[in-house]
Amino acid sequence: MPRRPPGSYRVGIARREAILEVATGYFARGGYHHTSMVRIAADVGITEGGLLHHFPSKKHLLLAVVERRIRSAAQWLDDLPPEATGRDVLRRLAGVTERQLAEPGLIELFVIVSAEAADTSSPAHSLFAERYDNAVHGLAALLRRAVATGEFLPDTDCVAVARECIANSDGLQLQWVLSGGALDLVAAARAYLDRLARTITTDGAGL
């Protein structure tokens, strides 16, 4: 079997990333259902057939866009400096919500795909199972640093707090969608994190 030239792999990866970039923009602004594969392909400079080579269906592209959003949010939290305090972590979580609200269409996609993830036969299931596992343990590790420095109470269950933070974030996004955007998502997220800070910090202060 003839080998593909090394450069073709790089081209393929770059093209896939270009497709995701364009699709993310369209989904964020106009929503999933109002965006056609033909339009995405045209903006990338390829045919619809070329797009389907990378993503066999619009649903495959949807999952890839949602996965990209999940990884982007996780990376923004991971990029906190080692000297970040526990409150810095909680403030960054509020910042993640602000970033999400800047792309409202992606919030709707996240809610749609998360509902589908309950079906164990769906490709979204493994994506979200991995997402929750990584998010809980990654956030818990950051919170433990605040326990170790004495900023958070010594009996703080960091895994339970991490699960609660993620559940609150996801639940508020669902309520934001159901309210048609009427819910002040950022204010609700900040209010919760402020209350949380008052219960787990040794000085009892909020954000």
Protein backbone atom coordinates (compact mmCIF):
# COMPACT_ATOMS: atom_id res chain seq x y z
CA MET A 1 0.00 0.00 0.00
CA PRO A 2 1.50 3.37 -0.95
CA ARG A 3 2.26 5.70 1.90
CA ARG A 4 0.73 9.13 2.12
CA PRO A 5 3.29 11.92 1.91
CA PRO A 6 4.08 13.34 5.40
CA GLY A 7 2.90 16.78 4.31
CA SER A 8 -0.57 15.46 3.53
CA TYR A 9 -1.14 14.63 7.21
CA ARG A 10 -0.30 18.18 8.20
CA VAL A 11 -2.59 19.52 5.50
CA GLY A 12 -5.39 17.23 6.67
CA ILE A 13 -5.01 18.32 10.29
CA ALA A 14 -4.92 22.00 9.30
CA ARG A 15 -8.00 21.61 7.13
CA ARG A 16 -9.90 19.81 9.88
CA GLU A 17 -9.05 22.62 12.28
CA ALA A 18 -10.15 25.20 9.71
CA ILE A 19 -13.49 23.41 9.35
CA LEU A 20 -13.97 23.39 13.11
CA GLU A 21 -13.08 27.08 13.35
CA VAL A 22 -15.62 28.07 10.71
CA ALA A 23 -18.31 25.72 12.03
CA THR A 24 -17.82 26.97 15.59
CA GLY A 25 -18.30 30.54 14.41
CA TYR A 26 -21.49 29.76 12.51
CA PHE A 27 -22.94 27.56 15.26
CA ALA A 28 -22.12 30.20 17.90
CA ARG A 29 -23.77 33.04 15.97
CA GLY A 30 -26.64 31.48 14.05
CA GLY A 31 -27.15 28.13 15.73
CA TYR A 32 -26.72 24.57 14.54
CA HIS A 33 -30.00 24.19 12.65
CA HIS A 34 -29.55 27.41 10.67
CA THR A 35 -26.09 26.53 9.38
CA SER A 36 -25.60 24.40 6.28
CA MET A 37 -22.67 22.12 5.54
CA VAL A 38 -22.45 23.73 2.10
CA ARG A 39 -21.88 27.16 3.64
CA ILE A 40 -19.17 25.84 5.97
CA ALA A 41 -17.41 24.07 3.12
CA ALA A 42 -17.53 27.19 0.94
CA ASP A 43 -15.97 29.34 3.68
CA VAL A 44 -13.17 26.83 4.17
CA GLY A 45 -12.61 26.70 0.41
CA ILE A 46 -13.50 23.06 -0.16
CA THR A 47 -16.43 21.14 -1.60
CA GLU A 48 -19.15 19.62 0.55
CA GLY A 49 -17.65 16.24 -0.37
CA GLY A 50 -14.30 17.40 0.96
CA LEU A 51 -15.94 18.41 4.23
CA LEU A 52 -17.69 15.05 4.51
CA HIS A 53 -14.30 13.38 4.14
CA HIS A 54 -13.35 14.85 7.53
CA PHE A 55 -16.82 14.77 9.14
CA PRO A 56 -19.17 12.13 7.64
CA SER A 57 -22.28 13.99 8.80
CA LYS A 58 -23.41 17.24 10.36
CA LYS A 59 -23.88 15.36 13.63
CA HIS A 60 -20.23 14.29 13.61
CA LEU A 61 -19.27 17.93 13.09
CA LEU A 62 -21.57 18.98 15.96
CA LEU A 63 -19.86 16.56 18.35
CA ALA A 64 -16.43 17.79 17.28
CA VAL A 65 -17.42 21.42 17.87
CA VAL A 66 -18.82 20.62 21.33
CA GLU A 67 -15.68 18.64 22.18
CA ARG A 68 -13.58 21.62 21.09
CA ARG A 69 -15.62 23.91 23.37
CA ILE A 70 -15.18 21.53 26.32
CA ARG A 71 -11.42 21.32 25.82
CA SER A 72 -11.12 25.09 25.44
CA ALA A 73 -12.91 25.70 28.75
CA ALA A 74 -10.80 23.08 30.51
CA GLN A 75 -7.58 24.55 29.12
CA TRP A 76 -8.51 28.04 30.32
CA LEU A 77 -8.86 26.66 33.85
CA ASP A 78 -5.64 24.65 33.55
CA ASP A 79 -3.76 27.79 32.52
CA LEU A 80 -4.07 29.28 36.00
CA PRO A 81 -0.58 29.97 37.42
CA PRO A 82 0.74 27.75 40.25
CA GLU A 83 0.43 30.63 42.72
CA ALA A 84 -3.30 31.07 42.01
CA THR A 85 -5.41 31.15 45.17
CA GLY A 86 -8.62 29.25 45.78
CA ARG A 87 -10.60 32.41 45.12
CA ASP A 88 -8.70 32.82 41.86
CA VAL A 89 -9.98 29.38 40.86
CA LEU A 90 -13.56 30.30 41.72
CA ARG A 91 -13.24 33.62 39.89
CA ARG A 92 -11.88 31.79 36.85
CA LEU A 93 -14.97 29.56 36.91
CA ALA A 94 -17.09 32.71 36.76
CA GLY A 95 -14.90 33.86 33.88
CA VAL A 96 -15.56 30.61 32.03
CA THR A 97 -19.28 31.41 32.21
CA GLU A 98 -18.65 34.88 30.75
CA ARG A 99 -16.70 33.32 27.88
CA GLN A 100 -19.52 30.84 27.24
CA LEU A 101 -22.13 33.59 27.13
CA ALA A 102 -20.11 35.34 24.42
CA GLU A 103 -21.00 32.35 22.20
CA PRO A 104 -24.70 31.73 22.98
CA GLY A 105 -25.21 29.34 20.11
CA LEU A 106 -22.63 26.99 21.62
CA ILE A 107 -24.49 26.95 24.94
CA GLU A 108 -27.54 25.64 23.09
CA LEU A 109 -25.44 23.01 21.33
CA PHE A 110 -23.89 21.92 24.62
CA VAL A 111 -27.33 21.45 26.17
CA ILE A 112 -28.59 19.50 23.15
CA VAL A 113 -25.60 17.15 23.07
CA SER A 114 -25.52 16.68 26.85
CA ALA A 115 -29.12 15.41 26.73
CA GLU A 116 -28.15 12.94 24.01
CA ALA A 117 -25.21 11.77 26.13
CA ALA A 118 -27.63 9.98 28.46
CA ASP A 119 -28.03 7.35 25.71
CA THR A 120 -25.14 4.93 26.25
CA SER A 121 -25.16 4.00 22.56
CA SER A 122 -24.58 7.61 21.49
CA PRO A 123 -21.05 8.82 20.60
CA ALA A 124 -21.79 11.76 22.91
CA HIS A 125 -21.93 9.40 25.90
CA SER A 126 -18.22 8.60 26.02
CA LEU A 127 -17.33 12.23 25.25
CA PHE A 128 -19.33 13.54 28.21
CA ALA A 129 -18.33 10.70 30.54
CA GLU A 130 -14.68 11.57 29.90
CA ARG A 131 -15.45 15.28 30.19
CA TYR A 132 -17.03 14.95 33.62
CA ASP A 133 -14.32 12.66 34.94
CA ASN A 134 -11.52 14.97 33.80
CA ALA A 135 -13.32 18.14 34.90
CA VAL A 136 -14.12 16.87 38.40
CA HIS A 137 -10.63 15.56 39.13
CA GLY A 138 -8.88 18.53 37.52
CA LEU A 139 -10.92 21.08 39.48
CA ALA A 140 -10.63 19.08 42.70
CA ALA A 141 -6.83 19.15 42.37
CA LEU A 142 -6.90 22.96 42.13
CA LEU A 143 -9.17 23.22 45.16
CA ARG A 144 -6.91 20.95 47.23
CA ARG A 145 -4.10 23.48 46.82
CA ALA A 146 -6.25 26.03 48.64
CA VAL A 147 -6.88 23.51 51.43
CA ALA A 148 -3.15 22.85 51.70
CA THR A 149 -2.37 26.59 52.03
CA GLY A 150 -5.04 27.06 54.68
CA GLU A 151 -7.26 29.26 52.52
CA PHE A 152 -10.04 26.65 52.43
CA LEU A 153 -11.32 24.78 55.46
CA PRO A 154 -9.39 21.54 56.15
CA ASP A 155 -12.52 19.36 55.98
CA THR A 156 -13.49 20.62 52.50
CA ASP A 157 -14.51 17.69 50.29
CA CYS A 158 -12.84 18.95 47.11
CA VAL A 159 -14.29 16.27 44.83
CA ALA A 160 -17.82 16.98 46.07
CA VAL A 161 -17.30 20.74 45.66
CA ALA A 162 -15.94 20.23 42.15
CA ARG A 163 -18.97 18.12 41.20
CA GLU A 164 -21.27 20.77 42.63
CA CYS A 165 -19.56 23.57 40.69
CA ILE A 166 -19.86 21.67 37.42
CA ALA A 167 -23.46 20.66 38.10
CA ASN A 168 -24.34 24.28 38.88
CA SER A 169 -22.68 25.52 35.69
CA ASP A 170 -24.39 22.94 33.48
CA GLY A 171 -27.75 23.41 35.18
CA LEU A 172 -27.63 27.18 34.78
CA GLN A 173 -26.82 26.79 31.09
CA LEU A 174 -29.91 24.60 30.67
CA GLN A 175 -32.05 27.15 32.52
CA TRP A 176 -30.60 29.94 30.37
CA VAL A 177 -31.65 28.08 27.21
CA LEU A 178 -35.12 27.32 28.58
CA SER A 179 -35.59 30.97 29.57
CA GLY A 180 -34.76 32.09 26.05
CA GLY A 181 -31.74 33.92 27.37
CA ALA A 182 -33.72 35.87 29.97
CA LEU A 183 -31.75 34.40 32.88
CA ASP A 184 -28.72 36.50 33.84
CA LEU A 185 -26.33 33.60 33.50
CA VAL A 186 -23.18 35.40 34.64
CA ALA A 187 -24.85 36.97 37.68
CA ALA A 188 -26.34 33.62 38.71
CA ALA A 189 -22.98 31.85 38.36
CA ARG A 190 -21.14 34.55 40.32
CA ALA A 191 -23.77 34.56 43.08
CA TYR A 192 -23.41 30.81 43.54
CA LEU A 193 -19.60 30.95 43.58
CA ASP A 194 -19.69 33.83 46.06
CA ARG A 195 -21.92 31.80 48.40
CA LEU A 196 -19.64 28.81 47.97
CA ALA A 197 -16.56 30.87 48.85
CA ARG A 198 -18.23 32.04 52.07
CA THR A 199 -18.82 28.44 53.17
CA ILE A 200 -15.43 26.90 52.40
CA THR A 201 -12.91 29.70 53.05
CA THR A 202 -11.34 29.97 56.48
CA ASP A 203 -12.02 33.72 56.63
CA GLY A 204 -15.65 33.31 55.56
CA ALA A 205 -15.36 36.00 52.87
CA GLY A 206 -16.84 35.82 49.38
CA LEU A 207 -15.25 36.39 46.01
